[in-house]
């Protein structure tokens, strides 16, 4: 099977598509999710709205709002520096601040929500966290390339993993359709999910990634956290049965435990394969 080394230009295009998708999702969540208000609303007292949420709705809604405002802007600080050559900390932070300010201003001008100083502050914190994640990733990548040479992504079709992917897909669908509750439905299926993701990646990517199991675990955990925040409904996809099945709507800590078990199996498999 012929191999294809992904060029820098293709990598850049893929990153731009991911970043554009992220921007669309954020705009969908912040501006186009709610019906217009009857009047413009603005809150310029820092943390007063968060305090009111805590007093009147409780701790968990407060945490959702607090962490959500930070988390949604972490990808901005993480992805944008990968796309532009001149990416100092102050520039990425300022651009993230402007993006958040534009959202708050749009919410105020067009009655699309309450413009809050809290959001602007927490969004900017998210951008800063994302930027430091980018710097950490860049340093690790540089150290890897200094030791092993340039890291190229090699794409080819691996039929062994293709067969495993199809078998796992059939098993997951069968569990979803025919198993009602119990260990198989509630926990074993979560292990299959991470194995399914791993096999899908290995169908196309020939490279050996030391921490692939960990990246898959982080991704699966983030999806589970998205369930806690009601991601499907925030995106306006709550009416879609397919979206509810794929993304999920019920947060369960045991799901994260099962993801970890599945990822440990991946690690043991790769150790056995000498990867």
Protein backbone atom coordinates (compact mmCIF):
# COMPACT_ATOMS: atom_id res chain seq x y z
CA UNK A 1 0.00 0.00 0.00
CA UNK A 2 1.54 3.36 -1.04
CA UNK A 3 2.45 5.81 1.72
CA UNK A 4 1.85 9.55 1.74
CA UNK A 5 3.76 12.02 3.91
CA UNK A 6 1.46 14.87 4.90
CA UNK A 7 2.95 18.16 3.75
CA UNK A 8 3.23 21.26 5.91
CA UNK A 9 0.66 22.98 3.68
CA UNK A 10 -1.89 20.21 4.19
CA UNK A 11 -1.30 20.30 7.96
CA UNK A 12 -1.90 24.06 7.89
CA UNK A 13 -5.14 23.67 5.92
CA UNK A 14 -6.42 21.06 8.36
CA UNK A 15 -5.57 23.32 11.32
CA UNK A 16 -7.37 26.26 9.68
CA UNK A 17 -10.45 24.08 9.13
CA UNK A 18 -10.38 22.99 12.78
CA UNK A 19 -9.97 26.58 13.95
CA UNK A 20 -12.79 27.81 11.68
CA UNK A 21 -15.06 25.05 12.98
CA UNK A 22 -14.22 26.06 16.54
CA UNK A 23 -15.09 29.73 15.81
CA UNK A 24 -18.43 28.69 14.29
CA UNK A 25 -19.24 26.54 17.33
CA UNK A 26 -18.40 29.37 19.76
CA UNK A 27 -20.58 31.82 17.80
CA UNK A 28 -23.37 29.25 17.74
CA UNK A 29 -23.14 28.90 21.52
CA UNK A 30 -22.87 32.58 22.37
CA UNK A 31 -24.82 34.53 19.77
CA UNK A 32 -27.14 32.27 17.78
CA UNK A 33 -28.23 29.89 20.55
CA UNK A 34 -30.84 32.02 22.29
CA UNK A 35 -33.87 33.96 21.14
CA UNK A 36 -33.37 37.75 21.21
CA UNK A 37 -34.00 39.50 24.52
CA UNK A 38 -36.62 42.19 24.93
CA UNK A 39 -34.04 44.75 25.98
CA UNK A 40 -30.29 45.25 26.02
CA UNK A 41 -28.58 44.02 29.18
CA UNK A 42 -25.05 44.63 30.40
CA UNK A 43 -23.20 43.80 33.62
CA UNK A 44 -19.96 45.67 34.31
CA UNK A 45 -19.37 44.59 37.93
CA UNK A 46 -16.76 41.84 37.97
CA UNK A 47 -18.00 38.50 39.38
CA UNK A 48 -21.36 39.87 40.54
CA UNK A 49 -23.24 37.60 38.13
CA UNK A 50 -21.21 34.55 39.18
CA UNK A 51 -21.91 35.34 42.82
CA UNK A 52 -25.64 35.65 42.07
CA UNK A 53 -25.62 32.31 40.25
CA UNK A 54 -23.96 30.70 43.27
CA UNK A 55 -26.44 32.28 45.71
CA UNK A 56 -29.59 31.47 43.77
CA UNK A 57 -28.76 28.35 41.74
CA UNK A 58 -26.11 26.60 43.81
CA UNK A 59 -22.55 25.40 43.48
CA UNK A 60 -22.76 23.18 40.39
CA UNK A 61 -24.36 25.78 38.07
CA UNK A 62 -21.73 28.24 39.32
CA UNK A 63 -18.93 25.78 38.45
CA UNK A 64 -20.45 25.08 35.03
CA UNK A 65 -20.61 28.78 34.20
CA UNK A 66 -17.18 29.57 35.64
CA UNK A 67 -15.29 26.70 34.02
CA UNK A 68 -17.31 26.85 30.82
CA UNK A 69 -16.34 30.46 30.14
CA UNK A 70 -12.69 29.50 30.55
CA UNK A 71 -12.80 26.19 28.69
CA UNK A 72 -14.46 27.49 25.52
CA UNK A 73 -11.58 29.90 24.88
CA UNK A 74 -8.69 27.52 25.58
CA UNK A 75 -8.75 26.27 21.94
CA UNK A 76 -8.32 29.88 20.76
CA UNK A 77 -5.04 30.25 22.65
CA UNK A 78 -3.95 26.75 21.65
CA UNK A 79 -4.76 26.75 17.93
CA UNK A 80 -4.12 30.31 16.78
CA UNK A 81 -0.36 30.28 17.58
CA UNK A 82 -0.06 27.20 15.37
CA UNK A 83 -1.50 29.14 12.44
CA UNK A 84 0.50 32.38 12.49
CA UNK A 85 4.30 32.69 12.52
CA UNK A 86 4.47 35.76 14.75
CA UNK A 87 2.68 34.53 17.85
CA UNK A 88 3.98 36.28 20.99
CA UNK A 89 1.98 35.89 24.17
CA UNK A 90 0.69 39.48 24.18
CA UNK A 91 -0.63 39.25 20.60
CA UNK A 92 -2.53 35.98 21.07
CA UNK A 93 -3.96 37.20 24.38
CA UNK A 94 -5.01 40.51 22.82
CA UNK A 95 -6.67 38.80 19.84
CA UNK A 96 -8.52 36.46 22.19
CA UNK A 97 -9.62 39.44 24.26
CA UNK A 98 -10.88 41.18 21.08
CA UNK A 99 -12.79 38.06 20.01
CA UNK A 100 -14.50 37.83 23.38
CA UNK A 101 -15.19 41.59 23.36
CA UNK A 102 -16.75 41.30 19.88
CA UNK A 103 -19.06 38.55 21.14
CA UNK A 104 -20.13 40.55 24.19
CA UNK A 105 -20.68 43.68 22.07
CA UNK A 106 -22.76 41.72 19.56
CA UNK A 107 -24.86 40.24 22.36
CA UNK A 108 -25.52 43.75 23.69
CA UNK A 109 -26.17 45.53 20.38
CA UNK A 110 -28.41 42.85 18.85
CA UNK A 111 -30.18 41.72 22.05
CA UNK A 112 -28.57 38.26 21.80
CA UNK A 113 -27.66 37.91 25.47
CA UNK A 114 -26.32 39.68 28.53
CA UNK A 115 -22.97 41.38 27.94
CA UNK A 116 -20.93 40.56 31.04
CA UNK A 117 -17.52 41.67 32.24
CA UNK A 118 -17.20 38.25 33.89
CA UNK A 119 -17.31 36.56 30.48
CA UNK A 120 -14.66 38.86 29.05
CA UNK A 121 -12.31 38.23 31.97
CA UNK A 122 -12.78 34.44 32.10
CA UNK A 123 -12.58 34.07 28.31
CA UNK A 124 -9.23 35.85 28.34
CA UNK A 125 -8.00 33.54 31.10
CA UNK A 126 -8.95 30.63 28.84
CA UNK A 127 -6.91 32.09 25.99
CA UNK A 128 -3.90 32.44 28.30
CA UNK A 129 -4.20 28.82 29.46
CA UNK A 130 -4.46 27.68 25.84
CA UNK A 131 -1.34 29.65 24.90
CA UNK A 132 0.72 28.03 27.66
CA UNK A 133 -0.54 24.63 26.50
CA UNK A 134 0.72 25.54 23.02
CA UNK A 135 4.13 26.51 24.40
CA UNK A 136 4.37 23.24 26.33
CA UNK A 137 3.41 21.25 23.23
CA UNK A 138 5.91 23.20 21.09
CA UNK A 139 8.74 22.55 23.54
CA UNK A 140 8.02 18.82 23.66
CA UNK A 141 7.80 18.66 19.86
CA UNK A 142 11.09 20.54 19.48
CA UNK A 143 12.83 18.22 21.94
CA UNK A 144 11.46 15.19 20.08
CA UNK A 145 12.65 16.48 16.71
CA UNK A 146 16.10 17.33 18.07
CA UNK A 147 16.42 13.75 19.27
CA UNK A 148 14.66 11.82 16.50
CA UNK A 149 14.54 14.22 13.55
CA UNK A 150 11.59 15.96 11.92
CA UNK A 151 8.23 14.42 12.77
CA UNK A 152 6.34 13.62 9.56
CA UNK A 153 2.82 12.22 9.55
CA UNK A 154 2.79 9.15 7.30
CA UNK A 155 -0.60 8.09 5.92
CA UNK A 156 -1.37 4.67 4.48
CA UNK A 157 -4.18 2.10 4.77
CA UNK A 158 -3.64 -0.62 7.37
CA UNK A 159 -6.16 -3.41 6.70
CA UNK A 160 -5.57 -5.09 10.06
CA UNK A 161 -6.84 -2.03 11.89
CA UNK A 162 -9.58 -1.52 9.29
CA UNK A 163 -11.01 -4.97 10.10
CA UNK A 164 -10.70 -4.30 13.85
CA UNK A 165 -12.42 -0.93 13.37
CA UNK A 166 -15.36 -2.53 11.53
CA UNK A 167 -15.73 -5.30 14.12
CA UNK A 168 -15.71 -2.77 16.97
CA UNK A 169 -18.19 -0.56 15.10
CA UNK A 170 -20.57 -3.52 14.69
CA UNK A 171 -20.20 -4.40 18.39
CA UNK A 172 -20.87 -0.82 19.54
CA UNK A 173 -23.96 -0.53 17.30
CA UNK A 174 -25.26 -3.89 18.53
CA UNK A 175 -24.83 -2.81 22.16
CA UNK A 176 -26.58 0.50 21.48
CA UNK A 177 -29.53 -1.18 19.75
CA UNK A 178 -30.05 -4.44 21.62
CA UNK A 179 -28.54 -4.21 25.11
CA UNK A 180 -30.60 -2.47 27.76
CA UNK A 181 -28.58 -1.48 30.82
CA UNK A 182 -26.16 -3.62 32.78
CA UNK A 183 -22.36 -3.78 32.70
CA UNK A 184 -22.15 -4.37 28.94
CA UNK A 185 -24.21 -1.29 28.02
CA UNK A 186 -23.07 1.06 30.77
CA UNK A 187 -19.37 0.25 31.06
CA UNK A 188 -17.95 -2.31 28.61
CA UNK A 189 -19.18 -0.22 25.70
CA UNK A 190 -17.03 2.68 26.92
CA UNK A 191 -13.94 0.49 26.71
CA UNK A 192 -14.86 -0.42 23.14
CA UNK A 193 -15.26 3.27 22.28
CA UNK A 194 -11.61 4.14 23.00
CA UNK A 195 -10.43 1.00 21.18
CA UNK A 196 -12.63 2.06 18.26
CA UNK A 197 -11.01 5.52 18.17
CA UNK A 198 -7.53 3.99 18.36
CA UNK A 199 -8.18 1.60 15.47
CA UNK A 200 -9.61 4.42 13.34
CA UNK A 201 -6.43 6.48 13.81
CA UNK A 202 -4.17 3.50 13.12
CA UNK A 203 -5.97 2.70 9.85
CA UNK A 204 -4.46 5.80 8.30
CA UNK A 205 -1.54 6.97 10.44
CA UNK A 206 1.54 4.77 10.32
CA UNK A 207 3.59 6.80 12.81
CA UNK A 208 4.27 5.47 16.26
CA UNK A 209 3.07 7.98 18.84
CA UNK A 210 4.31 7.25 22.35
CA UNK A 211 1.45 9.06 24.08
CA UNK A 212 -1.40 8.19 21.70
CA UNK A 213 -3.24 6.28 24.42
CA UNK A 214 -3.11 9.36 26.65
CA UNK A 215 -4.34 11.69 23.91
CA UNK A 216 -7.29 9.37 23.27
CA UNK A 217 -8.09 9.30 26.99
CA UNK A 218 -7.99 13.11 27.17
CA UNK A 219 -10.27 13.39 24.12
CA UNK A 220 -12.79 10.88 25.50
CA UNK A 221 -12.75 12.61 28.89
CA UNK A 222 -13.37 16.01 27.30
CA UNK A 223 -16.37 14.57 25.44
CA UNK A 224 -17.67 13.18 28.74
CA UNK A 225 -17.22 16.60 30.38
CA UNK A 226 -19.12 18.06 27.41
CA UNK A 227 -22.00 15.77 28.38
CA UNK A 228 -21.96 17.26 31.86
CA UNK A 229 -22.29 20.74 30.39
CA UNK A 230 -25.06 19.59 28.03
CA UNK A 231 -22.97 20.15 24.91
CA UNK A 232 -25.55 18.61 22.57
CA UNK A 233 -28.23 21.02 23.78
CA UNK A 234 -25.88 24.01 23.82
CA UNK A 235 -25.19 23.34 20.14
CA UNK A 236 -28.91 23.15 19.42
CA UNK A 237 -28.70 19.46 18.46
CA UNK A 238 -30.84 18.09 21.27
CA UNK A 239 -33.57 17.14 18.77
CA UNK A 240 -31.17 14.84 16.88
CA UNK A 241 -31.16 11.24 18.13
CA UNK A 242 -27.90 10.62 16.26
CA UNK A 243 -26.19 13.59 17.97
CA UNK A 244 -27.43 12.44 21.38
CA UNK A 245 -26.06 8.95 20.75
CA UNK A 246 -22.69 10.06 19.32
CA UNK A 247 -21.89 12.84 21.82
CA UNK A 248 -23.97 11.54 24.70
CA UNK A 249 -26.17 13.38 27.16
CA UNK A 250 -25.49 11.72 30.52
CA UNK A 251 -22.32 12.39 32.49
CA UNK A 252 -20.95 9.48 34.51
CA UNK A 253 -17.59 9.34 36.30
CA UNK A 254 -17.52 5.58 35.70
CA UNK A 255 -17.42 6.28 31.97
CA UNK A 256 -14.12 8.10 32.48
CA UNK A 257 -12.82 5.15 34.51
CA UNK A 258 -13.74 2.79 31.67
CA UNK A 259 -12.05 5.08 29.14
CA UNK A 260 -8.90 4.83 31.23
CA UNK A 261 -9.16 1.03 31.35
CA UNK A 262 -9.51 0.95 27.57
CA UNK A 263 -6.52 3.26 27.12
CA UNK A 264 -4.42 1.08 29.44
CA UNK A 265 -5.28 -1.87 27.18
CA UNK A 266 -4.06 0.19 24.23
CA UNK A 267 -0.81 0.95 26.06
CA UNK A 268 -0.27 -2.75 26.90
CA UNK A 269 -1.00 -3.71 23.30
CA UNK A 270 1.50 -1.20 21.94
CA UNK A 271 4.12 -2.37 24.43
CA UNK A 272 3.56 -5.94 23.26
CA UNK A 273 3.88 -4.80 19.62
CA UNK A 274 7.11 -2.98 20.42
CA UNK A 275 5.58 0.44 19.69
